[in-house]
Amino acid sequence: MAELLKDKFGPEMVHRAARTLKSVYPSFDSDGFAQVALVGFADLELTPRCRQIANAMAAYLPADRSEAIDILIASLGPELENCDPDDAAPTGDPEVDGNVMAGFFYMPHGYFLTDHVEGHFEKVMHANYEITKRSTSEFSIRTPLRDNTAATLAYLKKWVTDDNVHVRRLVSEGTRPRLPWSFRLKAFQEDPTPVIELLEQLKDDPVEYVRRSVANNLNDIAKDHPDLVNEVAARWWADGDKNRRRLIRHGLRTLIKAGDPKSLAVLGYSSDSPATVKAVQVDQAEVSIGGKVKVEVTIENPSDQPAGALVDLVVHFVKANGSTSPKVFKGGELNLEAGESQQIRKTISLAQHTTRKHYPGVHKVEIALNGTNHPGGEFLLTI
């Protein structure tokens, strides 16, 4: 069984925090801190572990929270390289290089800022600025965004042009209305205009890491305001280069998956495209659970004009109660010349997964072409 994420964030994180704090605050009771932080540690999930460390910080750092924040900032390690993390060179620090949990080390620091500091807004923002250059403050920035929205946005409007890529990425990631692992920013769910204004300045950021975050933010907004996102996407697409258009595709992914006609039209796959489903071949009429089924789709353009085709496969999986539930599998994007036809092939795994359990029965297959579903055949799944 794969190691649980929480178990990769073990007691060594507590002892590392104790060392770094004591290095800048010699009177810090590192033994007492560690003892409190590790009470029942093995039974806690990841975020409760981080919060318990933050609680221990609150107990052993000065009661003067202004001084405590200064100590926290002084204890921070070296900054990440100012580039896309995928392109970063090794730091030479064995506690960072090759450690998939290295970025989580500062999560307790963020919880300290959100749970144990009041009345020090300016210093909290400075701390978030410094932490995000070592990890990310996307979670801890959300409390100021929720509770002191205007003042926090004023900071983000400055940070959107910061020289540091991790600070710019914080602007786009921290303002996501539906950021995973965090509470929703309801004000931005209701009115995402302030967020869109920030994303406008980041859509052509030179670093893919930032642009991908912009796309994820757009995708969040699209779940509450699809028409607004389609409007923004159409405007950005009109004069966008390949990087911006890749961003838009990713930002529209939920709407595209749902067959939203306006989103499809932004990408050039309108419902009036002459492209048609010419043929569908399911390679097995009957297949056992644990096997695979291959589907080949032929798309044709019978017209005398070029045609765009966005093709997905929809498999209606049988559920335990005998009903079915559709799942969309990405097929491909085609640009067909007049009279041209092309094939798309997809292999569907029928192995049992924790995220999808298979049940015997007839599974219908449909082809989603530019947002419209067409019959595609079926296969019988057996035990």
Foldseek 3Di string as FASTA:
>chain_A
DDDDPQVLVDLVLLLLVLVLLCVQVVVFPSVQLSVQLCVVSVVDGRVVSLQSSLVSLCVGADVPVVNSLVSVLNSDDDFFPQAPPVPGDDPPDPCQPPRPCQLVSCVSVLSNLLPPDPDPVVSSVVSQQSSLRHHHNLASLQSCCQPVVVVSLVVLVVQCPDSGPSSVLSLLRSQQQCRPPHHGNVVCLVPVVSNVVSLVSQLVPVHLSSLLSNLVSLLSNCVRPVVVSLVVLLVCLVPDDPSSPVSSCSSCVVVVQQLPQSSLVSVPQHPPFQKDWPAKDWPAQEDEQQAKIKMKTKIWRQAQAKGKKFKWKWKFAQDPVRGTDIDIGGWDIDIGHHGDMDMTMDMDGRYADPVDGHDWDKMWMWMQISSDTDGHGIHTYHD
